[in-house]
Amino acid sequence: MTESKKILVTGANGLLGQKVTELFAHETSHELILTDLHDHAFESRGFDYFPMDITKKEEVKEAVKKYDPKYIINTAAYTNVDGCETDRELSWKVNVDAVKHFIIASRINSSKIIHISTDYVFDGKSGNYSEGSKPNPLSYYGKSKLAAENALLTSGVDCAIVRTMILYGKGKDLRPNFAIWLLQMLSEKNKVTIVDDQFGMPTIVDDLAWGIVKIADLNKSGMYHICGSEYCNRYEFAVKLAGIFGLNENLIMPIKTSDLNQAAARPMNSSFILLKAETDLGLKPLNVTEGLNLLKVQLGL
C-alpha cells in the first residue's frame, strides 16, 4: 500500500496494542499515533504518544480533531470478565461509552473505526458461530461488548468489528495472559487447576494483529471473526503448552467450570467459523501447537 495513512491505536500498552503497533511499524507508509491511560510501554521509536482517558468524551474529540487519523483502532477494553460483573459502571464506561465517544469524534474527520470484540457475545450453547450468528451474551462483559458492536453498526460511521477469543502472547510490562500465567506457574513447579469443559480456539496475538493490519490495508468494513484455527478446551491447551515447553503436565489438574464459583457465566463452546477472514483477508491462523511454538521462539526458550 502506497498511500500514507495516520493510524490512532488506543490501548497501545496492552498485548494487542503492542503487537498491532509492531506490525504497522514495519509498513513505512503509516504514521502511528499511540494512546493509553498511562506512560507508554515502548522505547522511543519515533511514535507520537499521548496519555488519554477514552471514557472522557472531550479528550477523545480533541485528540481525533488534533491528529486527524484515517483509522482509529480501538484495542482498549475492560476485559476482566468477573470484574465487569461486579463493577458494571466502569465496564460500561470503558466498553460502551468510550466507543460512543469515538463514534462522535470520527464524524469530525470521517475516521474509520476498527474495534475489537469478543466470543463472549455468544452464549456458547452451540459453537461454530459465523459473523451472522445471533448473539446472546451470558455475562455483563459480553453484554457491554455487544452494546458497543450495536452502537457502531447503527451509527452510520465506517467501521470494522473483529471478534476474537482466548488471546495470548508476549508483550512488555503486561499482566500475564493465560499462556504466560501457565508458563510461570509450571516453571515454578506449582500445581494448577484448569477447566476441561470450556471449549474455544486459542489465539496467538500475532494472528489477531495481522488480521487487523489486513483490514486496514484492504480497507475492509463489517464484522470479522479472527482467532486461532484449532478447537480445544482449556485443559487440553495447558497440557500442550507443558509438552512444548518441556514442563510437567502432571501439575495440571482438570476441573469443571462449576467448581470455580465465578461471578460471571462463561460460554462453554464459543468456536468460530473463520471462512470470511480466510477468504477476505487471506488469513491462515495458527493452530495451538504452531502458536505455542512461535511463543517459545519469541520468549527465547
Protein backbone atom coordinates (compact mmCIF):
# COMPACT_ATOMS: atom_id res chain seq x y z
CA MET A 1 0.00 0.00 0.00
CA THR A 2 1.50 3.31 -1.05
CA GLU A 3 -0.89 5.85 0.40
CA SER A 4 0.30 7.18 3.77
CA LYS A 5 -2.29 6.75 6.48
CA LYS A 6 -2.44 8.11 10.02
CA ILE A 7 -3.47 5.41 12.46
CA LEU A 8 -4.53 6.09 16.06
CA VAL A 9 -4.11 3.00 18.27
CA THR A 10 -5.91 3.04 21.63
CA GLY A 11 -4.89 0.67 24.41
CA ALA A 12 -1.37 0.85 22.95
CA ASN A 13 0.22 -0.52 26.16
CA GLY A 14 -1.84 -3.74 26.04
CA LEU A 15 -0.89 -7.06 24.48
CA LEU A 16 -2.83 -6.43 21.27
CA GLY A 17 -1.98 -2.72 21.14
CA GLN A 18 1.73 -3.50 21.33
CA LYS A 19 1.56 -6.15 18.60
CA VAL A 20 -0.59 -4.02 16.27
CA THR A 21 1.93 -1.20 16.68
CA GLU A 22 4.82 -3.55 15.96
CA LEU A 23 3.26 -4.85 12.74
CA PHE A 24 2.15 -1.45 11.45
CA ALA A 25 5.62 -0.07 12.22
CA HIS A 26 7.04 -2.41 9.56
CA GLU A 27 4.87 -0.67 6.97
CA THR A 28 6.65 2.64 6.45
CA SER A 29 3.63 4.16 4.70
CA HIS A 30 1.80 4.50 8.03
CA GLU A 31 2.10 7.22 10.65
CA LEU A 32 1.30 5.78 14.06
CA ILE A 33 -0.20 7.73 16.94
CA LEU A 34 -0.46 5.77 20.19
CA THR A 35 -2.53 6.36 23.29
CA ASP A 36 -3.32 4.68 26.59
CA LEU A 37 -4.15 5.74 30.12
CA HIS A 38 -0.54 5.88 31.31
CA ASP A 39 3.00 6.41 30.02
CA HIS A 40 3.72 4.19 27.06
CA ALA A 41 5.49 0.84 27.16
CA PHE A 42 7.63 1.44 24.07
CA GLU A 43 11.18 2.62 23.82
CA SER A 44 11.38 5.79 21.72
CA ARG A 45 10.82 4.66 18.15
CA GLY A 46 9.53 7.84 16.64
CA PHE A 47 5.88 7.23 17.54
CA ASP A 48 3.65 10.05 18.69
CA TYR A 49 2.30 9.02 22.09
CA PHE A 50 -0.07 10.79 24.45
CA PRO A 51 -2.00 9.61 27.52
CA MET A 52 -5.78 9.72 27.14
CA ASP A 53 -8.80 8.58 29.13
CA ILE A 54 -11.15 7.20 26.48
CA THR A 55 -14.10 7.48 28.90
CA LYS A 56 -13.85 11.29 28.69
CA LYS A 57 -15.70 12.47 25.59
CA GLU A 58 -13.95 15.83 25.23
CA GLU A 59 -10.48 14.25 25.45
CA VAL A 60 -11.41 11.83 22.67
CA LYS A 61 -12.91 14.54 20.46
CA GLU A 62 -9.91 16.84 20.90
CA ALA A 63 -7.42 14.06 20.14
CA VAL A 64 -9.19 12.94 16.97
CA LYS A 65 -9.52 16.55 15.82
CA LYS A 66 -5.83 17.25 16.52
CA TYR A 67 -4.30 14.13 14.98
CA ASP A 68 -6.84 13.61 12.18
CA PRO A 69 -6.37 9.82 11.89
CA LYS A 70 -7.59 7.85 8.89
CA TYR A 71 -8.12 4.85 11.17
CA ILE A 72 -8.95 4.58 14.87
CA ILE A 73 -8.01 1.08 16.05
CA ASN A 74 -9.65 0.57 19.42
CA THR A 75 -7.84 -2.22 21.26
CA ALA A 76 -8.70 -0.71 24.67
CA ALA A 77 -11.29 -2.51 26.79
CA TYR A 78 -12.17 -3.62 30.29
CA THR A 79 -11.68 -7.36 29.81
CA ASN A 80 -11.81 -8.66 33.40
CA VAL A 81 -14.96 -10.75 32.95
CA ASP A 82 -15.73 -11.18 36.65
CA GLY A 83 -14.72 -7.58 37.33
CA CYS A 84 -17.29 -6.42 34.76
CA GLU A 85 -19.95 -8.38 36.62
CA THR A 86 -19.23 -6.62 39.90
CA ASP A 87 -18.19 -3.15 38.62
CA ARG A 88 -20.80 -2.63 35.94
CA GLU A 89 -20.47 1.14 35.84
CA LEU A 90 -16.76 1.03 34.93
CA SER A 91 -17.38 -1.81 32.48
CA TRP A 92 -20.00 0.25 30.65
CA LYS A 93 -17.87 3.41 30.62
CA VAL A 94 -14.86 1.68 29.07
CA ASN A 95 -16.57 -0.85 26.82
CA VAL A 96 -19.58 1.15 25.60
CA ASP A 97 -19.45 4.87 26.37
CA ALA A 98 -15.85 5.15 25.10
CA VAL A 99 -16.88 3.57 21.80
CA LYS A 100 -19.71 6.09 21.51
CA HIS A 101 -17.15 8.87 22.08
CA PHE A 102 -15.10 7.52 19.17
CA ILE A 103 -18.22 7.38 17.01
CA ILE A 104 -18.92 11.07 17.74
CA ALA A 105 -15.26 12.01 17.21
CA SER A 106 -14.94 10.03 13.99
CA ARG A 107 -17.65 12.14 12.38
CA ILE A 108 -15.36 15.19 12.67
CA ASN A 109 -12.99 13.90 10.01
CA SER A 110 -14.57 10.65 8.71
CA SER A 111 -12.15 8.39 10.56
CA LYS A 112 -12.77 4.67 10.16
CA ILE A 113 -13.09 2.71 13.42
CA ILE A 114 -11.65 -0.80 13.76
CA HIS A 115 -12.99 -2.17 17.03
CA ILE A 116 -12.17 -5.38 18.90
CA SER A 117 -14.97 -7.52 20.30
CA THR A 118 -15.28 -10.98 21.78
CA ASP A 119 -16.71 -14.50 21.61
CA TYR A 120 -18.49 -13.65 24.88
CA VAL A 121 -21.29 -12.00 22.86
CA PHE A 122 -22.48 -15.62 22.31
CA ASP A 123 -23.99 -18.00 24.87
CA GLY A 124 -21.74 -20.89 23.79
CA LYS A 125 -24.57 -23.41 23.60
CA SER A 126 -23.89 -24.46 20.01
CA GLY A 127 -20.48 -23.23 18.82
CA ASN A 128 -19.45 -22.79 15.17
CA TYR A 129 -20.53 -19.17 15.18
CA SER A 130 -20.32 -17.17 11.97
CA GLU A 131 -20.35 -13.38 11.73
CA GLY A 132 -24.10 -13.58 11.11
CA SER A 133 -24.93 -15.80 14.09
CA LYS A 134 -27.30 -14.30 16.65
CA PRO A 135 -25.55 -13.04 19.80
CA ASN A 136 -26.88 -13.92 23.24
CA PRO A 137 -24.37 -12.88 25.91
CA LEU A 138 -24.43 -14.55 29.32
CA SER A 139 -22.26 -12.05 31.23
CA TYR A 140 -22.25 -8.30 31.75
CA TYR A 141 -18.90 -8.20 29.93
CA GLY A 142 -20.50 -9.87 26.91
CA LYS A 143 -23.49 -7.54 27.11
CA SER A 144 -21.25 -4.46 27.21
CA LYS A 145 -19.23 -5.66 24.21
CA LEU A 146 -22.42 -6.42 22.26
CA ALA A 147 -23.78 -2.96 23.10
CA ALA A 148 -20.60 -1.44 21.64
CA GLU A 149 -20.98 -3.53 18.48
CA ASN A 150 -24.59 -2.37 18.08
CA ALA A 151 -23.62 1.26 18.67
CA LEU A 152 -21.08 1.04 15.87
CA LEU A 153 -23.28 -0.87 13.44
CA THR A 154 -26.19 1.55 13.84
CA SER A 155 -24.07 4.72 13.88
CA GLY A 156 -23.55 5.06 10.15
CA VAL A 157 -19.78 5.52 10.60
CA ASP A 158 -17.39 3.40 8.54
CA CYS A 159 -16.26 0.58 10.81
CA ALA A 160 -14.95 -2.94 11.09
CA ILE A 161 -15.56 -5.12 14.15
CA VAL A 162 -13.23 -8.01 14.95
CA ARG A 163 -14.39 -10.70 17.37
CA THR A 164 -11.69 -12.88 18.91
CA MET A 165 -11.09 -15.19 21.89
CA ILE A 166 -8.53 -16.66 24.35
CA LEU A 167 -5.78 -14.22 23.39
CA TYR A 168 -2.22 -15.00 24.42
CA GLY A 169 1.29 -13.88 23.56
CA LYS A 170 4.39 -11.94 24.54
CA GLY A 171 4.39 -8.25 25.40
CA LYS A 172 6.16 -5.76 27.65
CA ASP A 173 5.05 -4.88 31.20
CA LEU A 174 1.72 -6.73 30.98
CA ARG A 175 -0.39 -8.64 33.44
CA PRO A 176 0.03 -12.31 32.46
CA ASN A 177 -2.35 -13.72 29.84
CA PHE A 178 -3.47 -17.36 30.14
CA ALA A 179 -0.42 -18.88 28.42
CA ILE A 180 2.14 -16.68 30.22
CA TRP A 181 0.48 -17.33 33.59
CA LEU A 182 0.58 -21.09 32.93
CA LEU A 183 4.26 -20.87 31.99
CA GLN A 184 5.06 -19.02 35.19
CA MET A 185 3.12 -21.44 37.39
CA LEU A 186 4.50 -24.63 35.80
CA SER A 187 8.06 -23.27 35.65
CA GLU A 188 7.87 -22.70 39.41
CA LYS A 189 6.51 -26.26 39.79
CA ASN A 190 3.15 -25.04 41.12
CA LYS A 191 0.04 -27.17 40.68
CA VAL A 192 -2.74 -25.54 38.62
CA THR A 193 -6.40 -26.40 38.12
CA ILE A 194 -7.73 -25.78 34.60
CA VAL A 195 -11.28 -26.24 33.34
CA ASP A 196 -11.86 -29.04 30.83
CA ASP A 197 -15.43 -28.06 29.88
CA GLN A 198 -14.78 -24.62 28.32
CA PHE A 199 -14.01 -25.00 24.63
CA GLY A 200 -12.66 -22.37 22.27
CA MET A 201 -9.94 -21.53 19.77
CA PRO A 202 -6.83 -20.08 21.46
CA THR A 203 -5.40 -17.13 19.56
CA ILE A 204 -1.79 -16.01 19.49
CA VAL A 205 -1.81 -12.21 19.37
CA ASP A 206 0.28 -12.14 16.17
CA ASP A 207 -2.62 -13.65 14.18
CA LEU A 208 -5.18 -11.18 15.51
CA ALA A 209 -2.89 -8.20 14.94
CA TRP A 210 -2.10 -9.38 11.42
CA GLY A 211 -5.83 -9.61 10.66
CA ILE A 212 -6.32 -6.03 11.88
CA VAL A 213 -3.46 -4.81 9.68
CA LYS A 214 -5.05 -6.56 6.68
CA ILE A 215 -8.44 -4.98 7.41
CA ALA A 216 -6.79 -1.55 7.38
CA ASP A 217 -4.62 -2.19 4.32
CA LEU A 218 -7.53 -3.62 2.31
CA ASN A 219 -9.98 -1.06 3.75
CA LYS A 220 -12.49 -3.73 4.76
CA SER A 221 -15.64 -2.98 6.73
CA GLY A 222 -18.16 -5.09 8.64
CA MET A 223 -17.82 -7.99 11.06
CA TYR A 224 -14.90 -10.45 11.15
CA HIS A 225 -14.18 -13.49 13.30
CA ILE A 226 -10.42 -13.85 13.83
CA CYS A 227 -8.93 -16.43 16.19
CA GLY A 228 -6.69 -19.49 16.23
CA SER A 229 -7.55 -22.36 13.90
CA GLU A 230 -7.77 -25.19 16.45
CA TYR A 231 -10.67 -26.07 18.73
CA CYS A 232 -9.83 -27.40 22.20
CA ASN A 233 -10.67 -26.99 25.87
CA ARG A 234 -8.55 -25.00 28.32
CA TYR A 235 -7.13 -28.14 29.95
CA GLU A 236 -6.03 -29.57 26.58
CA PHE A 237 -4.34 -26.23 25.77
CA ALA A 238 -2.49 -26.32 29.10
CA VAL A 239 -1.26 -29.89 28.53
CA LYS A 240 0.01 -28.96 25.04
CA LEU A 241 1.80 -25.94 26.47
CA ALA A 242 3.50 -28.11 29.08
CA GLY A 243 4.68 -30.53 26.40
CA ILE A 244 6.04 -27.84 24.06
CA PHE A 245 7.88 -26.00 26.85
CA GLY A 246 9.18 -29.18 28.49
CA LEU A 247 7.23 -28.68 31.72
CA ASN A 248 5.48 -31.21 33.96
CA GLU A 249 1.92 -31.81 32.73
CA ASN A 250 1.17 -33.79 35.89
CA LEU A 251 0.99 -30.44 37.71
CA ILE A 252 -2.16 -29.64 35.70
CA MET A 253 -5.42 -30.84 37.25
CA PRO A 254 -8.70 -30.79 35.26
CA ILE A 255 -11.75 -29.28 36.95
CA LYS A 256 -15.23 -28.17 35.93
CA THR A 257 -16.33 -24.56 35.49
CA SER A 258 -18.96 -25.07 38.19
CA ASP A 259 -16.16 -25.75 40.70
CA LEU A 260 -14.83 -22.19 40.32
CA ASN A 261 -17.87 -20.22 41.53
CA GLN A 262 -17.01 -17.35 39.19
CA ALA A 263 -19.09 -14.17 39.30
CA ALA A 264 -19.77 -14.23 35.55
CA ALA A 265 -21.13 -17.07 33.44
CA ARG A 266 -18.90 -18.24 30.57
CA PRO A 267 -19.85 -19.62 27.15
CA MET A 268 -18.89 -23.31 27.15
CA ASN A 269 -18.33 -23.60 23.39
CA SER A 270 -17.74 -20.35 21.54
CA SER A 271 -15.92 -21.72 18.48
CA PHE A 272 -15.89 -19.55 15.34
CA ILE A 273 -16.23 -20.20 11.64
CA LEU A 274 -13.22 -18.38 10.10
CA LEU A 275 -14.12 -18.63 6.41
CA LYS A 276 -14.76 -14.89 5.94
CA ALA A 277 -11.41 -13.82 7.40
CA GLU A 278 -9.59 -16.53 5.47
CA THR A 279 -11.29 -15.53 2.22
CA ASP A 280 -11.39 -11.72 2.53
CA LEU A 281 -8.07 -11.18 4.32
CA GLY A 282 -6.02 -14.18 3.20
CA LEU A 283 -5.61 -15.10 6.87
CA LYS A 284 -4.22 -18.52 7.79
CA PRO A 285 -4.34 -18.62 11.60
CA LEU A 286 -2.01 -20.90 13.53
CA ASN A 287 -3.16 -23.97 15.42
CA VAL A 288 -2.32 -24.44 19.10
CA THR A 289 0.99 -26.23 18.51
CA GLU A 290 2.14 -23.66 15.94
CA GLY A 291 1.09 -20.74 18.15
CA LEU A 292 2.84 -22.10 21.22
CA ASN A 293 5.99 -22.88 19.23
CA LEU A 294 6.02 -19.29 17.97
CA LEU A 295 5.61 -18.04 21.55
CA LYS A 296 8.52 -20.26 22.61
CA VAL A 297 10.74 -18.65 19.97
CA GLN A 298 9.61 -15.14 20.94
CA LEU A 299 10.40 -15.84 24.60
CA GLY A 300 13.83 -17.16 23.65
CA LEU A 301 13.17 -20.53 25.29
